[in-house]
Amino acid sequence: MSPQVVLDVLDVNRDTPKIDVYQARLPGYNQVAVKDAKYSAAIPFKNHSIDGILVDGLTDQDLRYMDFFEGYEFRSVKVMVDILHKIVIENNTQFVTKTEELNTSRQSLCYVWNDSYERLEFPPDERKPSKR
């Protein structure tokens, strides 16, 4: 999910966000397409990783908004992510601050696929996991 979508879901003023956003990597997961959808899903997958964002500073209400947005297809799980850079959002655009390399890991929540794997499209060169 892009930082702009997160801000829209949380109804945060983009010029003065109350949250911090980081470029992050989620090891041990793969991003796959959902059939007949315009979004993708994160699933556990050895020797893969997903580049995305970590949003810090969410309130309990923010998490309820995110849960509602993600719906029944996804569930929130605790994961370890690698934090790469801070993302600074100004004037409705995003850029990655290259001067502040963080290169650290921390526990976070991630929305992972919670529905049937039959609804996912796997690249031809990858075997579908046997789960679900």
C-alpha atoms as a PDB file:
ATOM      1  CA  MET A   1       0.000   0.000   0.000  1.00  0.00           C
ATOM      2  CA  SER A   2       1.343   3.411  -0.883  1.00  0.00           C
ATOM      3  CA  PRO A   3       1.787   6.141   1.741  1.00  0.00           C
ATOM      4  CA  GLN A   4      -0.924   8.189  -0.018  1.00  0.00           C
ATOM      5  CA  VAL A   5      -3.480   5.364   0.312  1.00  0.00           C
ATOM      6  CA  VAL A   6      -2.625   4.967   4.011  1.00  0.00           C
ATOM      7  CA  LEU A   7      -3.146   8.682   4.561  1.00  0.00           C
ATOM      8  CA  ASP A   8      -6.474   8.547   2.723  1.00  0.00           C
ATOM      9  CA  VAL A   9      -7.687   5.562   4.778  1.00  0.00           C
ATOM     10  CA  LEU A  10      -6.661   7.275   8.007  1.00  0.00           C
ATOM     11  CA  ASP A  11      -8.025  10.658   6.881  1.00  0.00           C
ATOM     12  CA  VAL A  12      -4.761  12.379   7.821  1.00  0.00           C
ATOM     13  CA  ASN A  13      -3.828  15.851   6.568  1.00  0.00           C
ATOM     14  CA  ARG A  14      -0.888  15.151   4.262  1.00  0.00           C
ATOM     15  CA  ASP A  15       0.897  18.383   5.105  1.00  0.00           C
ATOM     16  CA  THR A  16       0.923  17.674   8.851  1.00  0.00           C
ATOM     17  CA  PRO A  17       0.719  13.921   9.352  1.00  0.00           C
ATOM     18  CA  LYS A  18       0.719  12.563  12.874  1.00  0.00           C
ATOM     19  CA  ILE A  19       2.413   9.394  11.669  1.00  0.00           C
ATOM     20  CA  ASP A  20       5.871   8.455  10.436  1.00  0.00           C
ATOM     21  CA  VAL A  21       6.308   6.391   7.280  1.00  0.00           C
ATOM     22  CA  TYR A  22       9.363   4.291   6.435  1.00  0.00           C
ATOM     23  CA  GLN A  23      10.525   2.343   3.415  1.00  0.00           C
ATOM     24  CA  ALA A  24      10.720  -1.241   4.679  1.00  0.00           C
ATOM     25  CA  ARG A  25      11.366  -4.824   3.586  1.00  0.00           C
ATOM     26  CA  LEU A  26       9.380  -7.836   4.773  1.00  0.00           C
ATOM     27  CA  PRO A  27      11.534 -10.994   4.564  1.00  0.00           C
ATOM     28  CA  GLY A  28       9.958 -14.439   4.266  1.00  0.00           C
ATOM     29  CA  TYR A  29       6.921 -13.230   2.304  1.00  0.00           C
ATOM     30  CA  ASN A  30       5.996 -12.857  -1.344  1.00  0.00           C
ATOM     31  CA  GLN A  31       3.624 -10.422  -3.027  1.00  0.00           C
ATOM     32  CA  VAL A  32       1.195 -12.077  -5.442  1.00  0.00           C
ATOM     33  CA  ALA A  33      -1.706 -10.827  -7.530  1.00  0.00           C
ATOM     34  CA  VAL A  34      -5.284 -11.443  -6.473  1.00  0.00           C
ATOM     35  CA  LYS A  35      -7.390 -12.733  -9.383  1.00  0.00           C
ATOM     36  CA  ASP A  36      -9.823 -10.157 -10.781  1.00  0.00           C
ATOM     37  CA  ALA A  37      -8.638  -7.475  -8.333  1.00  0.00           C
ATOM     38  CA  LYS A  38      -6.529  -4.323  -8.480  1.00  0.00           C
ATOM     39  CA  TYR A  39      -4.576  -5.191  -5.369  1.00  0.00           C
ATOM     40  CA  SER A  40      -2.089  -7.829  -4.306  1.00  0.00           C
ATOM     41  CA  ALA A  41      -1.606 -10.085  -1.296  1.00  0.00           C
ATOM     42  CA  ALA A  42       1.296 -10.890   1.015  1.00  0.00           C
ATOM     43  CA  ILE A  43       1.768 -14.591   1.733  1.00  0.00           C
ATOM     44  CA  PRO A  44       4.490 -16.466   3.640  1.00  0.00           C
ATOM     45  CA  PHE A  45       7.086 -17.649   1.114  1.00  0.00           C
ATOM     46  CA  LYS A  46      10.639 -18.813   1.850  1.00  0.00           C
ATOM     47  CA  ASN A  47      13.570 -17.014   0.217  1.00  0.00           C
ATOM     48  CA  HIS A  48      11.440 -14.031  -0.863  1.00  0.00           C
ATOM     49  CA  SER A  49      10.814 -10.544   0.462  1.00  0.00           C
ATOM     50  CA  ILE A  50       8.427  -7.673  -0.166  1.00  0.00           C
ATOM     51  CA  ASP A  51       9.445  -4.031  -0.343  1.00  0.00           C
ATOM     52  CA  GLY A  52       6.808  -1.718   1.067  1.00  0.00           C
ATOM     53  CA  ILE A  53       6.173   0.734   3.868  1.00  0.00           C
ATOM     54  CA  LEU A  54       5.986   0.723   7.654  1.00  0.00           C
ATOM     55  CA  VAL A  55       3.602   3.226   9.235  1.00  0.00           C
ATOM     56  CA  ASP A  56       4.505   4.206  12.801  1.00  0.00           C
ATOM     57  CA  GLY A  57       2.393   6.114  15.299  1.00  0.00           C
ATOM     58  CA  LEU A  58      -1.006   4.597  14.560  1.00  0.00           C
ATOM     59  CA  THR A  59      -3.677   4.893  17.227  1.00  0.00           C
ATOM     60  CA  ASP A  60      -6.160   2.151  18.122  1.00  0.00           C
ATOM     61  CA  GLN A  61      -8.744   4.021  16.022  1.00  0.00           C
ATOM     62  CA  ASP A  62      -6.312   4.115  13.091  1.00  0.00           C
ATOM     63  CA  LEU A  63      -5.910   0.327  13.352  1.00  0.00           C
ATOM     64  CA  ARG A  64      -9.683  -0.104  13.312  1.00  0.00           C
ATOM     65  CA  TYR A  65      -9.816   1.984  10.103  1.00  0.00           C
ATOM     66  CA  MET A  66      -7.082  -0.182   8.578  1.00  0.00           C
ATOM     67  CA  ASP A  67      -8.843  -3.410   9.645  1.00  0.00           C
ATOM     68  CA  PHE A  68     -12.068  -2.197   8.032  1.00  0.00           C
ATOM     69  CA  PHE A  69     -10.245  -1.168   4.838  1.00  0.00           C
ATOM     70  CA  GLU A  70      -8.429  -4.520   4.512  1.00  0.00           C
ATOM     71  CA  GLY A  71     -11.609  -6.510   5.195  1.00  0.00           C
ATOM     72  CA  TYR A  72     -12.040 -10.243   5.739  1.00  0.00           C
ATOM     73  CA  GLU A  73      -9.499 -11.158   3.042  1.00  0.00           C
ATOM     74  CA  PHE A  74      -6.571 -10.051   5.183  1.00  0.00           C
ATOM     75  CA  ARG A  75      -5.569 -10.516   8.800  1.00  0.00           C
ATOM     76  CA  SER A  76      -3.093  -8.573  10.877  1.00  0.00           C
ATOM     77  CA  VAL A  77      -0.077 -10.575  12.081  1.00  0.00           C
ATOM     78  CA  LYS A  78       3.124  -9.705  13.940  1.00  0.00           C
ATOM     79  CA  VAL A  79       6.201  -9.801  11.694  1.00  0.00           C
ATOM     80  CA  MET A  80       9.798  -8.586  11.710  1.00  0.00           C
ATOM     81  CA  VAL A  81      10.548  -5.930   9.087  1.00  0.00           C
ATOM     82  CA  ASP A  82      13.775  -4.312   7.960  1.00  0.00           C
ATOM     83  CA  ILE A  83      13.495  -0.514   8.034  1.00  0.00           C
ATOM     84  CA  LEU A  84      15.503   1.070   5.235  1.00  0.00           C
ATOM     85  CA  HIS A  85      14.736   4.819   5.009  1.00  0.00           C
ATOM     86  CA  LYS A  86      12.297   7.385   6.311  1.00  0.00           C
ATOM     87  CA  ILE A  87       9.747   8.629   3.779  1.00  0.00           C
ATOM     88  CA  VAL A  88       8.974  12.324   3.955  1.00  0.00           C
ATOM     89  CA  ILE A  89       5.622  13.404   2.518  1.00  0.00           C
ATOM     90  CA  GLU A  90       5.244  16.995   1.386  1.00  0.00           C
ATOM     91  CA  ASN A  91       2.604  18.676  -0.780  1.00  0.00           C
ATOM     92  CA  ASN A  92       0.833  15.401  -1.628  1.00  0.00           C
ATOM     93  CA  THR A  93       3.987  13.816  -3.058  1.00  0.00           C
ATOM     94  CA  GLN A  94       6.403  11.340  -1.573  1.00  0.00           C
ATOM     95  CA  PHE A  95      10.156  11.072  -1.620  1.00  0.00           C
ATOM     96  CA  VAL A  96      12.596   8.905   0.267  1.00  0.00           C
ATOM     97  CA  THR A  97      15.121  10.651   2.478  1.00  0.00           C
ATOM     98  CA  LYS A  98      18.447   9.229   1.329  1.00  0.00           C
ATOM     99  CA  THR A  99      20.470  10.939   4.055  1.00  0.00           C
ATOM    100  CA  GLU A 100      18.866   8.995   6.894  1.00  0.00           C
ATOM    101  CA  GLU A 101      19.736   5.344   6.310  1.00  0.00           C
ATOM    102  CA  LEU A 102      18.251   3.398   9.187  1.00  0.00           C
ATOM    103  CA  ASN A 103      19.001  -0.237   8.291  1.00  0.00           C
ATOM    104  CA  THR A 104      17.404  -1.650  11.425  1.00  0.00           C
ATOM    105  CA  SER A 105      14.785  -4.311  12.134  1.00  0.00           C
ATOM    106  CA  ARG A 106      11.725  -4.191  14.344  1.00  0.00           C
ATOM    107  CA  GLN A 107       8.495  -5.983  15.069  1.00  0.00           C
ATOM    108  CA  SER A 108       5.421  -4.642  13.328  1.00  0.00           C
ATOM    109  CA  LEU A 109       1.954  -5.620  12.184  1.00  0.00           C
ATOM    110  CA  CYS A 110       1.347  -6.695   8.597  1.00  0.00           C
ATOM    111  CA  TYR A 111      -1.841  -7.516   6.735  1.00  0.00           C
ATOM    112  CA  VAL A 112      -1.405 -10.947   5.152  1.00  0.00           C
ATOM    113  CA  TRP A 113      -3.750 -12.939   2.928  1.00  0.00           C
ATOM    114  CA  ASN A 114      -6.458 -14.728   4.903  1.00  0.00           C
ATOM    115  CA  ASP A 115      -8.602 -16.116   2.088  1.00  0.00           C
ATOM    116  CA  SER A 116      -8.268 -19.081  -0.283  1.00  0.00           C
ATOM    117  CA  TYR A 117      -5.011 -19.424  -2.194  1.00  0.00           C
ATOM    118  CA  GLU A 118      -7.155 -20.412  -5.188  1.00  0.00           C
ATOM    119  CA  ARG A 119      -7.935 -16.688  -5.552  1.00  0.00           C
ATOM    120  CA  LEU A 120      -4.247 -15.843  -6.055  1.00  0.00           C
ATOM    121  CA  GLU A 121      -2.215 -15.724  -9.275  1.00  0.00           C
ATOM    122  CA  PHE A 122       1.255 -17.184  -8.936  1.00  0.00           C
ATOM    123  CA  PRO A 123       4.027 -16.506 -11.459  1.00  0.00           C
ATOM    124  CA  PRO A 124       4.606 -19.530 -13.717  1.00  0.00           C
ATOM    125  CA  ASP A 125       8.139 -20.036 -12.412  1.00  0.00           C
ATOM    126  CA  GLU A 126       6.991 -20.360  -8.778  1.00  0.00           C
ATOM    127  CA  ARG A 127       5.232 -23.285  -7.172  1.00  0.00           C
ATOM    128  CA  LYS A 128       2.054 -22.481  -5.319  1.00  0.00           C
ATOM    129  CA  PRO A 129       2.436 -23.033  -1.549  1.00  0.00           C
ATOM    130  CA  SER A 130       0.565 -26.058  -0.275  1.00  0.00           C
ATOM    131  CA  LYS A 131      -1.245 -24.033   2.390  1.00  0.00           C
ATOM    132  CA  ARG A 132      -5.031 -23.479   1.963  1.00  0.00           C
END
